[in-house]
Every structure is written in C-alpha cells, then in structure tokens.
Amino acid sequence: MTVHLLQHRKAEDDYESVKALGIYATREDAEDAIGRFLRLPGFSEHPDGFSIDEYTVGKDCWPEGFVPWSESVGKKEGDIPGWR
C-alpha cells in the first residue's frame, strides 16, 4: 500500500520549520488538502512550501542510516554511502 505524506517547509532565520500536515491515500487527496491549507494563516503566506512524498507502508525508509547535514555540506551524490 502506498500513502502520500503532505508537509510544509518554511525557512526561518537560522533553521527550517517543517510541519507534517497529513497522510493521504492518493496524491489527488493530498493536492486537495493543499487547497484547504492555503486558506489558513501562515500557509497562505508561504504557498511554495508544500511537498508531497510517496511512501510504501511497511517498508523502511533509511536502511543505510544517515549522515548529519553538517557532514554532507559540499559533498556530491555518491560521496556518502547510502546517499541516493
């Protein structure tokens, strides 16, 4: 089963604010939700911050682990194991 995670990102002065807004059965449902969120304060001022990511239920997403952002700055894809 595939689900669609709707998130909103907004760059702050020294960090990025990320909000998980909902998980939907279809991409179309997630796109409809964006329309609803765009009518709300905060989201309406930052309409380009929405993203929809597809996930498979029951499947691990980070099987090789992760590298902290500070260690990945300036590196290219392939320089870090597990980075795709």
N, C-alpha and C. Protein backbone atom coordinates (compact mmCIF):
# COMPACT_ATOMS: atom_id res chain seq x y z
N MET A 1 0.84 -1.17 0.00
CA MET A 1 0.00 0.00 0.00
C MET A 1 0.89 1.24 0.00
N THR A 2 0.55 2.18 -0.84
CA THR A 2 1.28 3.44 -0.94
C THR A 2 0.47 4.56 -0.31
N VAL A 3 1.14 5.42 0.44
CA VAL A 3 0.49 6.59 1.04
C VAL A 3 1.28 7.84 0.62
N HIS A 4 0.64 8.99 0.80
CA HIS A 4 1.24 10.26 0.38
C HIS A 4 1.30 11.21 1.57
N LEU A 5 2.51 11.58 1.96
CA LEU A 5 2.74 12.46 3.10
C LEU A 5 2.80 13.91 2.62
N LEU A 6 1.93 14.74 3.16
CA LEU A 6 1.92 16.17 2.84
C LEU A 6 2.65 16.92 3.94
N GLN A 7 3.65 17.71 3.56
CA GLN A 7 4.41 18.51 4.51
C GLN A 7 4.48 19.95 4.03
N HIS A 8 4.81 20.83 4.96
CA HIS A 8 5.05 22.23 4.62
C HIS A 8 6.36 22.66 5.27
N ARG A 9 7.22 23.29 4.47
CA ARG A 9 8.51 23.77 4.94
C ARG A 9 8.56 25.29 4.81
N LYS A 10 9.16 25.91 5.82
CA LYS A 10 9.36 27.36 5.79
C LYS A 10 10.72 27.66 6.39
N ALA A 11 11.54 28.36 5.62
CA ALA A 11 12.87 28.73 6.11
C ALA A 11 12.73 29.86 7.12
N GLU A 12 13.32 29.65 8.28
CA GLU A 12 13.38 30.70 9.30
C GLU A 12 14.77 31.31 9.23
N ASP A 13 15.09 32.21 10.13
CA ASP A 13 16.40 32.87 10.10
C ASP A 13 17.56 31.88 10.15
N ASP A 14 17.52 30.95 11.09
CA ASP A 14 18.65 30.04 11.25
C ASP A 14 18.24 28.57 11.28
N TYR A 15 17.02 28.27 10.87
CA TYR A 15 16.59 26.88 10.80
C TYR A 15 15.42 26.77 9.83
N GLU A 16 15.00 25.53 9.59
CA GLU A 16 13.87 25.28 8.71
C GLU A 16 12.74 24.67 9.52
N SER A 17 11.56 25.24 9.42
CA SER A 17 10.38 24.73 10.11
C SER A 17 9.68 23.75 9.17
N VAL A 18 9.47 22.52 9.63
CA VAL A 18 8.80 21.50 8.82
C VAL A 18 7.59 20.99 9.59
N LYS A 19 6.44 21.00 8.93
CA LYS A 19 5.20 20.51 9.56
C LYS A 19 4.65 19.36 8.73
N ALA A 20 4.40 18.21 9.36
CA ALA A 20 3.68 17.12 8.71
C ALA A 20 2.20 17.46 8.81
N LEU A 21 1.53 17.58 7.66
CA LEU A 21 0.14 18.04 7.64
C LEU A 21 -0.87 16.92 7.51
N GLY A 22 -0.47 15.80 6.94
CA GLY A 22 -1.41 14.70 6.79
C GLY A 22 -0.85 13.60 5.92
N ILE A 23 -1.45 12.43 6.04
CA ILE A 23 -1.10 11.27 5.22
C ILE A 23 -2.35 10.87 4.47
N TYR A 24 -2.23 10.74 3.15
CA TYR A 24 -3.39 10.55 2.28
C TYR A 24 -3.23 9.31 1.41
N ALA A 25 -4.35 8.72 1.03
CA ALA A 25 -4.35 7.50 0.22
C ALA A 25 -3.91 7.77 -1.21
N THR A 26 -4.19 8.96 -1.72
CA THR A 26 -3.83 9.27 -3.11
C THR A 26 -3.15 10.63 -3.18
N ARG A 27 -2.40 10.83 -4.24
CA ARG A 27 -1.78 12.13 -4.48
C ARG A 27 -2.85 13.21 -4.65
N GLU A 28 -3.94 12.85 -5.31
CA GLU A 28 -5.03 13.80 -5.52
C GLU A 28 -5.62 14.27 -4.20
N ASP A 29 -5.77 13.36 -3.23
CA ASP A 29 -6.27 13.74 -1.90
C ASP A 29 -5.31 14.74 -1.24
N ALA A 30 -4.01 14.49 -1.37
CA ALA A 30 -3.01 15.39 -0.78
C ALA A 30 -3.06 16.76 -1.46
N GLU A 31 -3.22 16.76 -2.78
CA GLU A 31 -3.32 18.03 -3.51
C GLU A 31 -4.58 18.80 -3.10
N ASP A 32 -5.68 18.09 -2.88
CA ASP A 32 -6.90 18.75 -2.39
C ASP A 32 -6.66 19.39 -1.03
N ALA A 33 -5.91 18.69 -0.18
CA ALA A 33 -5.61 19.22 1.16
C ALA A 33 -4.79 20.51 1.07
N ILE A 34 -3.88 20.58 0.10
CA ILE A 34 -3.11 21.82 -0.07
C ILE A 34 -4.05 22.99 -0.27
N GLY A 35 -5.08 22.79 -1.08
CA GLY A 35 -6.06 23.85 -1.30
C GLY A 35 -6.72 24.31 -0.02
N ARG A 36 -6.99 23.38 0.88
CA ARG A 36 -7.60 23.75 2.17
C ARG A 36 -6.60 24.50 3.05
N PHE A 37 -5.34 24.02 3.09
CA PHE A 37 -4.33 24.68 3.92
C PHE A 37 -4.00 26.08 3.40
N LEU A 38 -4.08 26.28 2.10
CA LEU A 38 -3.77 27.59 1.53
C LEU A 38 -4.72 28.69 2.00
N ARG A 39 -5.85 28.31 2.55
CA ARG A 39 -6.81 29.29 3.08
C ARG A 39 -6.50 29.67 4.53
N LEU A 40 -5.49 29.05 5.12
CA LEU A 40 -5.17 29.27 6.54
C LEU A 40 -3.98 30.21 6.71
N PRO A 41 -3.99 30.97 7.82
CA PRO A 41 -2.85 31.86 8.11
C PRO A 41 -1.55 31.07 8.18
N GLY A 42 -0.49 31.69 7.75
CA GLY A 42 0.82 31.04 7.75
C GLY A 42 1.06 30.31 6.44
N PHE A 43 0.20 29.37 6.14
CA PHE A 43 0.34 28.62 4.89
C PHE A 43 0.07 29.50 3.68
N SER A 44 -0.91 30.40 3.80
CA SER A 44 -1.25 31.27 2.67
C SER A 44 -0.12 32.25 2.35
N GLU A 45 0.70 32.59 3.34
CA GLU A 45 1.83 33.49 3.11
C GLU A 45 3.04 32.77 2.52
N HIS A 46 3.02 31.44 2.55
CA HIS A 46 4.16 30.64 2.05
C HIS A 46 3.63 29.49 1.19
N PRO A 47 3.01 29.82 0.05
CA PRO A 47 2.37 28.79 -0.77
C PRO A 47 3.33 27.84 -1.47
N ASP A 48 4.61 28.19 -1.57
CA ASP A 48 5.57 27.31 -2.24
C ASP A 48 6.21 26.30 -1.31
N GLY A 49 5.79 26.26 -0.05
CA GLY A 49 6.42 25.38 0.92
C GLY A 49 5.87 23.96 0.99
N PHE A 50 4.85 23.66 0.21
CA PHE A 50 4.22 22.33 0.28
C PHE A 50 5.01 21.29 -0.51
N SER A 51 5.03 20.07 0.02
CA SER A 51 5.60 18.94 -0.71
C SER A 51 4.79 17.69 -0.41
N ILE A 52 4.74 16.81 -1.40
CA ILE A 52 4.05 15.53 -1.26
C ILE A 52 5.07 14.44 -1.56
N ASP A 53 5.26 13.54 -0.60
CA ASP A 53 6.19 12.43 -0.77
C ASP A 53 5.43 11.12 -0.68
N GLU A 54 5.82 10.18 -1.51
CA GLU A 54 5.16 8.87 -1.57
C GLU A 54 5.95 7.86 -0.74
N TYR A 55 5.24 7.09 0.07
CA TYR A 55 5.86 6.06 0.91
C TYR A 55 5.09 4.76 0.78
N THR A 56 5.81 3.65 0.93
CA THR A 56 5.20 2.33 0.94
C THR A 56 5.06 1.89 2.39
N VAL A 57 3.85 1.55 2.80
CA VAL A 57 3.59 1.12 4.17
C VAL A 57 4.35 -0.19 4.44
N GLY A 58 5.02 -0.26 5.58
CA GLY A 58 5.74 -1.46 5.97
C GLY A 58 7.15 -1.55 5.42
N LYS A 59 7.60 -0.52 4.70
CA LYS A 59 8.95 -0.53 4.13
C LYS A 59 9.82 0.50 4.85
N ASP A 60 11.01 0.08 5.27
CA ASP A 60 11.95 1.00 5.91
C ASP A 60 12.39 2.07 4.92
N CYS A 61 12.57 3.29 5.40
CA CYS A 61 12.95 4.40 4.53
C CYS A 61 14.43 4.78 4.62
N TRP A 62 15.10 4.43 5.68
CA TRP A 62 16.50 4.80 5.86
C TRP A 62 17.33 3.55 6.17
N PRO A 63 17.35 2.55 5.30
CA PRO A 63 18.00 1.28 5.62
C PRO A 63 19.52 1.36 5.79
N GLU A 64 20.17 2.40 5.24
CA GLU A 64 21.62 2.53 5.37
C GLU A 64 22.02 3.53 6.45
N GLY A 65 21.04 4.06 7.20
CA GLY A 65 21.34 5.07 8.20
C GLY A 65 21.35 6.45 7.56
N PHE A 66 21.98 7.43 8.23
CA PHE A 66 22.01 8.79 7.71
C PHE A 66 23.29 9.49 8.12
N VAL A 67 23.58 10.57 7.44
CA VAL A 67 24.73 11.41 7.75
C VAL A 67 24.18 12.77 8.15
N PRO A 68 24.64 13.34 9.26
CA PRO A 68 24.16 14.67 9.66
C PRO A 68 24.39 15.70 8.55
N TRP A 69 23.47 16.64 8.46
CA TRP A 69 23.55 17.67 7.42
C TRP A 69 24.91 18.36 7.43
N SER A 70 25.44 18.64 8.61
CA SER A 70 26.72 19.35 8.70
C SER A 70 27.86 18.57 8.04
N GLU A 71 27.75 17.24 7.99
CA GLU A 71 28.79 16.42 7.37
C GLU A 71 28.57 16.26 5.87
N SER A 72 27.39 16.61 5.36
CA SER A 72 27.10 16.42 3.94
C SER A 72 27.29 17.70 3.12
N VAL A 73 27.43 18.84 3.77
CA VAL A 73 27.58 20.11 3.07
C VAL A 73 28.82 20.07 2.18
N GLY A 74 28.63 20.41 0.92
CA GLY A 74 29.74 20.46 -0.03
C GLY A 74 30.06 19.13 -0.69
N LYS A 75 29.37 18.07 -0.30
CA LYS A 75 29.63 16.77 -0.91
C LYS A 75 28.62 16.50 -2.01
N LYS A 76 28.99 15.59 -2.91
CA LYS A 76 28.12 15.24 -4.03
C LYS A 76 27.51 13.87 -3.81
N GLU A 77 26.43 13.61 -4.55
CA GLU A 77 25.80 12.30 -4.51
C GLU A 77 26.87 11.26 -4.85
N GLY A 78 26.92 10.20 -4.11
CA GLY A 78 27.91 9.16 -4.33
C GLY A 78 29.10 9.28 -3.40
N ASP A 79 29.36 10.47 -2.86
CA ASP A 79 30.47 10.65 -1.91
C ASP A 79 30.13 10.09 -0.54
N ILE A 80 28.83 9.93 -0.27
CA ILE A 80 28.38 9.46 1.04
C ILE A 80 27.67 8.13 0.85
N PRO A 81 28.09 7.07 1.54
CA PRO A 81 27.42 5.78 1.41
C PRO A 81 25.93 5.88 1.71
N GLY A 82 25.12 5.27 0.88
CA GLY A 82 23.68 5.25 1.10
C GLY A 82 22.94 6.45 0.56
N TRP A 83 23.66 7.47 0.09
CA TRP A 83 23.01 8.66 -0.44
C TRP A 83 22.59 8.39 -1.87
N ARG A 84 21.31 8.54 -2.13
CA ARG A 84 20.81 8.27 -3.49
C ARG A 84 20.16 9.50 -4.04
